[in-house]
PDB file of all heavy atoms in Angstrom:
ATOM      1  N   SER A   1      11.349  92.313-203.138  1.00  0.00           N
ATOM      2  CA  SER A   1      11.492  92.133-201.684  1.00  0.00           C
ATOM      3  C   SER A   1      12.465  91.006-201.355  1.00  0.00           C
ATOM      4  O   SER A   1      13.288  91.122-200.437  1.00  0.00           O
ATOM      5  CB  SER A   1      10.131  91.847-201.059  1.00  0.00           C
ATOM      6  OG  SER A   1       9.262  92.951-201.202  1.00  0.00           O
ATOM      7  N   GLU A   2      12.373  89.913-202.108  1.00  0.00           N
ATOM      8  CA  GLU A   2      13.287  88.791-201.873  1.00  0.00           C
ATOM      9  C   GLU A   2      14.730  89.200-202.123  1.00  0.00           C
ATOM     10  O   GLU A   2      15.634  88.872-201.332  1.00  0.00           O
ATOM     11  CB  GLU A   2      12.902  87.622-202.774  1.00  0.00           C
ATOM     12  CG  GLU A   2      13.743  86.377-202.556  1.00  0.00           C
ATOM     13  CD  GLU A   2      13.371  85.245-203.489  1.00  0.00           C
ATOM     14  OE1 GLU A   2      12.378  85.381-204.247  1.00  0.00           O
ATOM     15  OE2 GLU A   2      14.079  84.219-203.474  1.00  0.00           O
ATOM     16  N   MET A   3      14.966  89.936-203.204  1.00  0.00           N
ATOM     17  CA  MET A   3      16.326  90.395-203.484  1.00  0.00           C
ATOM     18  C   MET A   3      16.846  91.318-202.390  1.00  0.00           C
ATOM     19  O   MET A   3      18.000  91.208-201.970  1.00  0.00           O
ATOM     20  CB  MET A   3      16.367  91.105-204.841  1.00  0.00           C
ATOM     21  CG  MET A   3      16.281  90.185-206.031  1.00  0.00           C
ATOM     22  SD  MET A   3      16.608  91.027-207.622  1.00  0.00           S
ATOM     23  CE  MET A   3      15.055  91.922-207.848  1.00  0.00           C
ATOM     24  N   VAL A   4      16.013  92.232-201.928  1.00  0.00           N
ATOM     25  CA  VAL A   4      16.436  93.155-200.870  1.00  0.00           C
ATOM     26  C   VAL A   4      16.869  92.386-199.632  1.00  0.00           C
ATOM     27  O   VAL A   4      17.910  92.677-199.026  1.00  0.00           O
ATOM     28  CB  VAL A   4      15.315  94.152-200.536  1.00  0.00           C
ATOM     29  CG1 VAL A   4      15.646  94.935-199.274  1.00  0.00           C
ATOM     30  CG2 VAL A   4      15.071  95.112-201.699  1.00  0.00           C
ATOM     31  N   ARG A   5      16.092  91.386-199.268  1.00  0.00           N
ATOM     32  CA  ARG A   5      16.401  90.639-198.044  1.00  0.00           C
ATOM     33  C   ARG A   5      17.658  89.793-198.185  1.00  0.00           C
ATOM     34  O   ARG A   5      18.534  89.809-197.313  1.00  0.00           O
ATOM     35  CB  ARG A   5      15.210  89.753-197.667  1.00  0.00           C
ATOM     36  CG  ARG A   5      14.005  90.543-197.191  1.00  0.00           C
ATOM     37  CD  ARG A   5      12.917  89.635-196.666  1.00  0.00           C
ATOM     38  NE  ARG A   5      11.778  90.404-196.166  1.00  0.00           N
ATOM     39  CZ  ARG A   5      10.780  89.871-195.467  1.00  0.00           C
ATOM     40  NH1 ARG A   5      10.773  88.581-195.201  1.00  0.00           N
ATOM     41  NH2 ARG A   5       9.795  90.628-195.042  1.00  0.00           N
ATOM     42  N   VAL A   6      17.762  89.049-199.269  1.00  0.00           N
ATOM     43  CA  VAL A   6      18.879  88.121-199.417  1.00  0.00           C
ATOM     44  C   VAL A   6      20.165  88.839-199.811  1.00  0.00           C
ATOM     45  O   VAL A   6      21.237  88.550-199.269  1.00  0.00           O
ATOM     46  CB  VAL A   6      18.531  87.034-200.458  1.00  0.00           C
ATOM     47  CG1 VAL A   6      19.743  86.123-200.705  1.00  0.00           C
ATOM     48  CG2 VAL A   6      17.340  86.206-199.983  1.00  0.00           C
ATOM     49  N   ASP A   7      20.085  89.779-200.748  1.00  0.00           N
ATOM     50  CA  ASP A   7      21.281  90.381-201.329  1.00  0.00           C
ATOM     51  C   ASP A   7      21.887  91.491-200.485  1.00  0.00           C
ATOM     52  O   ASP A   7      23.088  91.768-200.621  1.00  0.00           O
ATOM     53  CB  ASP A   7      20.966  90.938-202.722  1.00  0.00           C
ATOM     54  CG  ASP A   7      20.552  89.854-203.707  1.00  0.00           C
ATOM     55  OD1 ASP A   7      20.749  88.662-203.399  1.00  0.00           O
ATOM     56  OD2 ASP A   7      20.019  90.194-204.770  1.00  0.00           O
ATOM     57  N   LEU A   8      21.096  92.127-199.629  1.00  0.00           N
ATOM     58  CA  LEU A   8      21.636  93.261-198.867  1.00  0.00           C
ATOM     59  C   LEU A   8      21.304  93.208-197.377  1.00  0.00           C
ATOM     60  O   LEU A   8      22.198  93.371-196.541  1.00  0.00           O
ATOM     61  CB  LEU A   8      21.130  94.579-199.454  1.00  0.00           C
ATOM     62  CG  LEU A   8      21.747  95.856-198.885  1.00  0.00           C
ATOM     63  CD1 LEU A   8      23.266  95.840-199.011  1.00  0.00           C
ATOM     64  CD2 LEU A   8      21.180  97.092-199.577  1.00  0.00           C
ATOM     65  N   GLU A   9      20.037  92.968-197.037  1.00  0.00           N
ATOM     66  CA  GLU A   9      19.673  92.988-195.616  1.00  0.00           C
ATOM     67  C   GLU A   9      20.359  91.864-194.848  1.00  0.00           C
ATOM     68  O   GLU A   9      20.908  92.090-193.756  1.00  0.00           O
ATOM     69  CB  GLU A   9      18.150  92.882-195.453  1.00  0.00           C
ATOM     70  CG  GLU A   9      17.698  93.043-194.006  1.00  0.00           C
ATOM     71  CD  GLU A   9      16.183  92.981-193.852  1.00  0.00           C
ATOM     72  OE1 GLU A   9      15.475  92.815-194.861  1.00  0.00           O
ATOM     73  OE2 GLU A   9      15.716  93.069-192.696  1.00  0.00           O
ATOM     74  N   ALA A  10      20.368  90.658-195.399  1.00  0.00           N
ATOM     75  CA  ALA A  10      21.005  89.535-194.703  1.00  0.00           C
ATOM     76  C   ALA A  10      22.496  89.766-194.471  1.00  0.00           C
ATOM     77  O   ALA A  10      22.988  89.547-193.351  1.00  0.00           O
ATOM     78  CB  ALA A  10      20.761  88.235-195.459  1.00  0.00           C
ATOM     79  N   PRO A  11      23.274  90.217-195.470  1.00  0.00           N
ATOM     80  CA  PRO A  11      24.683  90.502-195.187  1.00  0.00           C
ATOM     81  C   PRO A  11      24.887  91.573-194.120  1.00  0.00           C
ATOM     82  O   PRO A  11      25.805  91.462-193.296  1.00  0.00           O
ATOM     83  CB  PRO A  11      25.215  90.986-196.548  1.00  0.00           C
ATOM     84  CG  PRO A  11      24.336  90.339-197.550  1.00  0.00           C
ATOM     85  CD  PRO A  11      22.984  90.305-196.918  1.00  0.00           C
ATOM     86  N   MET A  12      24.029  92.589-194.114  1.00  0.00           N
ATOM     87  CA  MET A  12      24.153  93.616-193.086  1.00  0.00           C
ATOM     88  C   MET A  12      23.895  93.045-191.697  1.00  0.00           C
ATOM     89  O   MET A  12      24.621  93.342-190.735  1.00  0.00           O
ATOM     90  CB  MET A  12      23.180  94.758-193.369  1.00  0.00           C
ATOM     91  CG  MET A  12      23.564  95.637-194.536  1.00  0.00           C
ATOM     92  SD  MET A  12      22.362  96.973-194.753  1.00  0.00           S
ATOM     93  CE  MET A  12      23.211  97.998-195.953  1.00  0.00           C
ATOM     94  N   LEU A  13      22.866  92.216-191.571  1.00  0.00           N
ATOM     95  CA  LEU A  13      22.515  91.650-190.267  1.00  0.00           C
ATOM     96  C   LEU A  13      23.550  90.640-189.796  1.00  0.00           C
ATOM     97  O   LEU A  13      23.927  90.614-188.618  1.00  0.00           O
ATOM     98  CB  LEU A  13      21.131  91.013-190.331  1.00  0.00           C
ATOM     99  CG  LEU A  13      19.968  91.981-190.515  1.00  0.00           C
ATOM    100  CD1 LEU A  13      18.664  91.222-190.756  1.00  0.00           C
ATOM    101  CD2 LEU A  13      19.817  92.894-189.289  1.00  0.00           C
ATOM    102  N   LEU A  14      24.035  89.793-190.704  1.00  0.00           N
ATOM    103  CA  LEU A  14      25.050  88.819-190.315  1.00  0.00           C
ATOM    104  C   LEU A  14      26.343  89.515-189.911  1.00  0.00           C
ATOM    105  O   LEU A  14      26.984  89.136-188.923  1.00  0.00           O
ATOM    106  CB  LEU A  14      25.306  87.850-191.465  1.00  0.00           C
ATOM    107  CG  LEU A  14      24.212  86.796-191.678  1.00  0.00           C
ATOM    108  CD1 LEU A  14      24.356  86.136-193.051  1.00  0.00           C
ATOM    109  CD2 LEU A  14      24.263  85.740-190.575  1.00  0.00           C
ATOM    110  N   SER A  15      26.727  90.535-190.643  1.00  0.00           N
ATOM    111  CA  SER A  15      27.939  91.285-190.290  1.00  0.00           C
ATOM    112  C   SER A  15      27.792  91.910-188.912  1.00  0.00           C
ATOM    113  O   SER A  15      28.736  91.881-188.098  1.00  0.00           O
ATOM    114  CB  SER A  15      28.216  92.366-191.339  1.00  0.00           C
ATOM    115  OG  SER A  15      28.450  91.799-192.607  1.00  0.00           O
ATOM    116  N   ARG A  16      26.636  92.466-188.649  1.00  0.00           N
ATOM    117  CA  ARG A  16      26.372  93.050-187.333  1.00  0.00           C
ATOM    118  C   ARG A  16      26.532  92.008-186.233  1.00  0.00           C
ATOM    119  O   ARG A  16      27.120  92.267-185.176  1.00  0.00           O
ATOM    120  CB  ARG A  16      24.960  93.630-187.299  1.00  0.00           C
ATOM    121  CG  ARG A  16      24.536  94.180-185.945  1.00  0.00           C
ATOM    122  CD  ARG A  16      23.089  94.658-185.994  1.00  0.00           C
ATOM    123  NE  ARG A  16      22.650  95.175-184.713  1.00  0.00           N
ATOM    124  CZ  ARG A  16      22.150  94.414-183.728  1.00  0.00           C
ATOM    125  NH1 ARG A  16      22.040  93.107-183.912  1.00  0.00           N
ATOM    126  NH2 ARG A  16      21.775  94.964-182.587  1.00  0.00           N
ATOM    127  N   SER A  17      26.044  90.806-186.467  1.00  0.00           N
ATOM    128  CA  SER A  17      26.071  89.765-185.442  1.00  0.00           C
ATOM    129  C   SER A  17      27.475  89.236-185.176  1.00  0.00           C
ATOM    130  O   SER A  17      27.782  88.842-184.050  1.00  0.00           O
ATOM    131  CB  SER A  17      25.166  88.603-185.862  1.00  0.00           C
ATOM    132  OG  SER A  17      23.809  88.995-185.907  1.00  0.00           O
ATOM    133  N   PHE A  18      28.330  89.212-186.209  1.00  0.00           N
ATOM    134  CA  PHE A  18      29.642  88.579-186.058  1.00  0.00           C
ATOM    135  C   PHE A  18      30.783  89.567-185.856  1.00  0.00           C
ATOM    136  O   PHE A  18      31.903  89.159-185.538  1.00  0.00           O
ATOM    137  CB  PHE A  18      29.932  87.713-187.289  1.00  0.00           C
ATOM    138  CG  PHE A  18      29.175  86.420-187.297  1.00  0.00           C
ATOM    139  CD1 PHE A  18      27.969  86.322-187.977  1.00  0.00           C
ATOM    140  CD2 PHE A  18      29.645  85.311-186.607  1.00  0.00           C
ATOM    141  CE1 PHE A  18      27.251  85.140-187.982  1.00  0.00           C
ATOM    142  CE2 PHE A  18      28.940  84.123-186.614  1.00  0.00           C
ATOM    143  CZ  PHE A  18      27.731  84.031-187.293  1.00  0.00           C
ATOM    144  N   LEU A  19      30.539  90.859-186.004  1.00  0.00           N
ATOM    145  CA  LEU A  19      31.639  91.822-185.988  1.00  0.00           C
ATOM    146  C   LEU A  19      32.429  91.824-184.687  1.00  0.00           C
ATOM    147  O   LEU A  19      33.663  91.871-184.705  1.00  0.00           O
ATOM    148  CB  LEU A  19      31.119  93.229-186.284  1.00  0.00           C
ATOM    149  CG  LEU A  19      31.336  93.706-187.722  1.00  0.00           C
ATOM    150  CD1 LEU A  19      30.619  95.014-187.966  1.00  0.00           C
ATOM    151  CD2 LEU A  19      32.830  93.846-188.030  1.00  0.00           C
ATOM    152  N   ARG A  20      31.757  91.786-183.559  1.00  0.00           N
ATOM    153  CA  ARG A  20      32.490  91.862-182.299  1.00  0.00           C
ATOM    154  C   ARG A  20      33.446  90.675-182.137  1.00  0.00           C
ATOM    155  O   ARG A  20      34.580  90.839-181.677  1.00  0.00           O
ATOM    156  CB  ARG A  20      31.516  91.938-181.117  1.00  0.00           C
ATOM    157  CG  ARG A  20      30.854  93.298-180.963  1.00  0.00           C
ATOM    158  CD  ARG A  20      30.074  93.396-179.660  1.00  0.00           C
ATOM    159  NE  ARG A  20      29.573  94.747-179.435  1.00  0.00           N
ATOM    160  CZ  ARG A  20      28.415  95.207-179.878  1.00  0.00           C
ATOM    161  NH1 ARG A  20      27.618  94.406-180.577  1.00  0.00           N
ATOM    162  NH2 ARG A  20      28.037  96.447-179.631  1.00  0.00           N
ATOM    163  N   VAL A  21      32.982  89.506-182.543  1.00  0.00           N
ATOM    164  CA  VAL A  21      33.845  88.330-182.458  1.00  0.00           C
ATOM    165  C   VAL A  21      34.989  88.438-183.455  1.00  0.00           C
ATOM    166  O   VAL A  21      36.141  88.089-183.147  1.00  0.00           O
ATOM    167  CB  VAL A  21      33.024  87.047-182.703  1.00  0.00           C
ATOM    168  CG1 VAL A  21      33.938  85.837-182.823  1.00  0.00           C
ATOM    169  CG2 VAL A  21      32.031  86.837-181.580  1.00  0.00           C
ATOM    170  N   LEU A  22      34.710  88.921-184.653  1.00  0.00           N
ATOM    171  CA  LEU A  22      35.759  89.058-185.659  1.00  0.00           C
ATOM    172  C   LEU A  22      36.797  90.101-185.251  1.00  0.00           C
ATOM    173  O   LEU A  22      37.965  90.003-185.644  1.00  0.00           O
ATOM    174  CB  LEU A  22      35.144  89.412-187.012  1.00  0.00           C
ATOM    175  CG  LEU A  22      34.322  88.284-187.657  1.00  0.00           C
ATOM    176  CD1 LEU A  22      33.572  88.799-188.887  1.00  0.00           C
ATOM    177  CD2 LEU A  22      35.205  87.105-188.026  1.00  0.00           C
ATOM    178  N   ARG A  23      36.397  91.072-184.470  1.00  0.00           N
ATOM    179  CA  ARG A  23      37.390  92.007-183.941  1.00  0.00           C
ATOM    180  C   ARG A  23      38.331  91.285-182.984  1.00  0.00           C
ATOM    181  O   ARG A  23      39.540  91.518-182.985  1.00  0.00           O
ATOM    182  CB  ARG A  23      36.704  93.162-183.211  1.00  0.00           C
ATOM    183  CG  ARG A  23      36.047  94.183-184.140  1.00  0.00           C
ATOM    184  CD  ARG A  23      35.350  95.265-183.333  1.00  0.00           C
ATOM    185  NE  ARG A  23      34.682  96.224-184.201  1.00  0.00           N
ATOM    186  CZ  ARG A  23      33.902  97.217-183.761  1.00  0.00           C
ATOM    187  NH1 ARG A  23      33.712  97.366-182.444  1.00  0.00           N
ATOM    188  NH2 ARG A  23      33.338  98.051-184.612  1.00  0.00           N
ATOM    189  N   GLU A  24      37.790  90.409-182.163  1.00  0.00           N
ATOM    190  CA  GLU A  24      38.612  89.669-181.201  1.00  0.00           C
ATOM    191  C   GLU A  24      39.602  88.757-181.908  1.00  0.00           C
ATOM    192  O   GLU A  24      40.740  88.598-181.462  1.00  0.00           O
ATOM    193  CB  GLU A  24      37.712  88.839-180.279  1.00  0.00           C
ATOM    194  CG  GLU A  24      36.820  89.662-179.360  1.00  0.00           C
ATOM    195  CD  GLU A  24      35.825  88.806-178.595  1.00  0.00           C
ATOM    196  OE1 GLU A  24      35.874  87.561-178.752  1.00  0.00           O
ATOM    197  OE2 GLU A  24      35.005  89.378-177.852  1.00  0.00           O
ATOM    198  N   THR A  25      39.171  88.152-183.018  1.00  0.00           N
ATOM    199  CA  THR A  25      40.024  87.195-183.729  1.00  0.00           C
ATOM    200  C   THR A  25      40.810  87.845-184.869  1.00  0.00           C
ATOM    201  O   THR A  25      41.577  87.161-185.548  1.00  0.00           O
ATOM    202  CB  THR A  25      39.175  86.049-184.311  1.00  0.00           C
ATOM    203  OG1 THR A  25      38.216  86.576-185.241  1.00  0.00           O
ATOM    204  CG2 THR A  25      38.442  85.315-183.209  1.00  0.00           C
ATOM    205  N   LYS A  26      40.593  89.170-185.054  1.00  0.00           N
ATOM    206  CA  LYS A  26      41.192  89.865-186.205  1.00  0.00           C
ATOM    207  C   LYS A  26      40.870  89.101-187.494  1.00  0.00           C
ATOM    208  O   LYS A  26      41.741  88.821-188.321  1.00  0.00           O
ATOM    209  CB  LYS A  26      42.688  90.059-186.018  1.00  0.00           C
ATOM    210  CG  LYS A  26      43.018  91.066-184.917  1.00  0.00           C
ATOM    211  CD  LYS A  26      44.508  91.288-184.789  1.00  0.00           C
ATOM    212  CE  LYS A  26      44.822  92.495-183.912  1.00  0.00           C
ATOM    213  NZ  LYS A  26      44.200  92.433-182.579  1.00  0.00           N
ATOM    214  N   GLY A  27      39.588  88.818-187.624  1.00  0.00           N
ATOM    215  CA  GLY A  27      39.117  88.027-188.747  1.00  0.00           C
ATOM    216  C   GLY A  27      38.728  88.863-189.952  1.00  0.00           C
ATOM    217  O   GLY A  27      39.077  90.050-190.051  1.00  0.00           O
ATOM    218  N   SER A  28      37.982  88.238-190.856  1.00  0.00           N
ATOM    219  CA  SER A  28      37.665  88.867-192.132  1.00  0.00           C
ATOM    220  C   SER A  28      36.186  88.702-192.475  1.00  0.00           C
ATOM    221  O   SER A  28      35.545  87.717-192.103  1.00  0.00           O
ATOM    222  CB  SER A  28      38.492  88.230-193.263  1.00  0.00           C
ATOM    223  OG  SER A  28      39.872  88.363-193.026  1.00  0.00           O
ATOM    224  N   ILE A  29      35.683  89.679-193.218  1.00  0.00           N
ATOM    225  CA  ILE A  29      34.381  89.582-193.867  1.00  0.00           C
ATOM    226  C   ILE A  29      34.626  89.708-195.366  1.00  0.00           C
ATOM    227  O   ILE A  29      35.310  90.633-195.811  1.00  0.00           O
ATOM    228  CB  ILE A  29      33.420  90.686-193.404  1.00  0.00           C
ATOM    229  CG1 ILE A  29      33.077  90.529-191.913  1.00  0.00           C
ATOM    230  CG2 ILE A  29      32.129  90.661-194.232  1.00  0.00           C
ATOM    231  CD1 ILE A  29      32.242  91.654-191.350  1.00  0.00           C
ATOM    232  N   ILE A  30      34.120  88.763-196.129  1.00  0.00           N
ATOM    233  CA  ILE A  30      34.204  88.840-197.581  1.00  0.00           C
ATOM    234  C   ILE A  30      32.784  88.881-198.133  1.00  0.00           C
ATOM    235  O   ILE A  30      31.975  87.983-197.869  1.00  0.00           O
ATOM    236  CB  ILE A  30      34.967  87.642-198.179  1.00  0.00           C
ATOM    237  CG1 ILE A  30      36.413  87.657-197.697  1.00  0.00           C
ATOM    238  CG2 ILE A  30      34.911  87.670-199.705  1.00  0.00           C
ATOM    239  CD1 ILE A  30      37.255  86.512-198.225  1.00  0.00           C
ATOM    240  N   ASN A  31      32.480  89.934-198.855  1.00  0.00           N
ATOM    241  CA  ASN A  31      31.165  90.086-199.479  1.00  0.00           C
ATOM    242  C   ASN A  31      31.285  89.816-200.979  1.00  0.00           C
ATOM    243  O   ASN A  31      32.138  90.406-201.648  1.00  0.00           O
ATOM    244  CB  ASN A  31      30.620  91.492-199.242  1.00  0.00           C
ATOM    245  CG  ASN A  31      30.276  91.729-197.778  1.00  0.00           C
ATOM    246  OD1 ASN A  31      29.746  90.845-197.108  1.00  0.00           O
ATOM    247  ND2 ASN A  31      30.568  92.911-197.273  1.00  0.00           N
ATOM    248  N   ILE A  32      30.433  88.931-201.481  1.00  0.00           N
ATOM    249  CA  ILE A  32      30.428  88.634-202.908  1.00  0.00           C
ATOM    250  C   ILE A  32      29.394  89.551-203.557  1.00  0.00           C
ATOM    251  O   ILE A  32      28.188  89.338-203.454  1.00  0.00           O
ATOM    252  CB  ILE A  32      30.100  87.159-203.189  1.00  0.00           C
ATOM    253  CG1 ILE A  32      31.018  86.248-202.366  1.00  0.00           C
ATOM    254  CG2 ILE A  32      30.238  86.882-204.678  1.00  0.00           C
ATOM    255  CD1 ILE A  32      32.495  86.414-202.630  1.00  0.00           C
ATOM    256  N   SER A  33      29.883  90.588-204.192  1.00  0.00           N
ATOM    257  CA  SER A  33      29.026  91.538-204.883  1.00  0.00           C
ATOM    258  C   SER A  33      28.925  91.113-206.349  1.00  0.00           C
ATOM    259  O   SER A  33      28.783  89.932-206.658  1.00  0.00           O
ATOM    260  CB  SER A  33      29.575  92.957-204.723  1.00  0.00           C
ATOM    261  OG  SER A  33      28.754  93.905-205.356  1.00  0.00           O
ATOM    262  N   SER A  34      29.013  92.037-207.260  1.00  0.00           N
ATOM    263  CA  SER A  34      28.859  91.746-208.677  1.00  0.00           C
ATOM    264  C   SER A  34      29.410  92.906-209.488  1.00  0.00           C
ATOM    265  O   SER A  34      29.436  94.060-209.026  1.00  0.00           O
ATOM    266  CB  SER A  34      27.378  91.549-209.015  1.00  0.00           C
ATOM    267  OG  SER A  34      27.144  91.591-210.405  1.00  0.00           O
ATOM    268  N   VAL A  35      29.825  92.608-210.710  1.00  0.00           N
ATOM    269  CA  VAL A  35      30.250  93.675-211.611  1.00  0.00           C
ATOM    270  C   VAL A  35      29.119  94.674-211.847  1.00  0.00           C
ATOM    271  O   VAL A  35      29.369  95.842-212.167  1.00  0.00           O
ATOM    272  CB  VAL A  35      30.732  93.068-212.949  1.00  0.00           C
ATOM    273  CG1 VAL A  35      29.591  92.441-213.717  1.00  0.00           C
ATOM    274  CG2 VAL A  35      31.460  94.092-213.800  1.00  0.00           C
ATOM    275  N   THR A  36      27.865  94.245-211.652  1.00  0.00           N
ATOM    276  CA  THR A  36      26.732  95.157-211.840  1.00  0.00           C
ATOM    277  C   THR A  36      26.734  96.292-210.821  1.00  0.00           C
ATOM    278  O   THR A  36      26.016  97.274-210.999  1.00  0.00           O
ATOM    279  CB  THR A  36      25.400  94.399-211.748  1.00  0.00           C
ATOM    280  OG1 THR A  36      25.295  93.781-210.454  1.00  0.00           O
ATOM    281  CG2 THR A  36      25.288  93.338-212.822  1.00  0.00           C
ATOM    282  N   ALA A  37      27.538  96.167-209.766  1.00  0.00           N
ATOM    283  CA  ALA A  37      27.647  97.253-208.788  1.00  0.00           C
ATOM    284  C   ALA A  37      28.377  98.450-209.357  1.00  0.00           C
ATOM    285  O   ALA A  37      28.286  99.555-208.802  1.00  0.00           O
ATOM    286  CB  ALA A  37      28.369  96.756-207.534  1.00  0.00           C
ATOM    287  N   LEU A  38      29.093  98.263-210.459  1.00  0.00           N
ATOM    288  CA  LEU A  38      29.991  99.298-210.979  1.00  0.00           C
ATOM    289  C   LEU A  38      29.470 100.013-212.208  1.00  0.00           C
ATOM    290  O   LEU A  38      30.086 100.984-212.658  1.00  0.00           O
ATOM    291  CB  LEU A  38      31.351  98.671-211.311  1.00  0.00           C
ATOM    292  CG  LEU A  38      32.066  97.951-210.166  1.00  0.00           C
ATOM    293  CD1 LEU A  38      33.315  97.274-210.686  1.00  0.00           C
ATOM    294  CD2 LEU A  38      32.389  98.911-209.029  1.00  0.00           C
ATOM    295  N   GLU A  39      28.369  99.549-212.765  1.00  0.00           N
ATOM    296  CA  GLU A  39      27.918 100.101-214.039  1.00  0.00           C
ATOM    297  C   GLU A  39      26.408  99.960-214.150  1.00  0.00           C
ATOM    298  O   GLU A  39      25.792  99.188-213.407  1.00  0.00           O
ATOM    299  CB  GLU A  39      28.607  99.363-215.183  1.00  0.00           C
ATOM    300  CG  GLU A  39      28.412  97.870-215.125  1.00  0.00           C
ATOM    301  CD  GLU A  39      29.391  97.096-215.993  1.00  0.00           C
ATOM    302  OE1 GLU A  39      30.560  97.530-216.115  1.00  0.00           O
ATOM    303  OE2 GLU A  39      28.989  96.053-216.535  1.00  0.00           O
TER     304      GLU A  39
END
């Protein structure tokens, strides 16, 4: 449960909260994933 919240749910919620502003500023979102995502 802790991993689900920190590793995926939190990035989704934060991105949702900041996206409209980042569109205005033509900003960026950088997600730090892992090589484990690929294999």
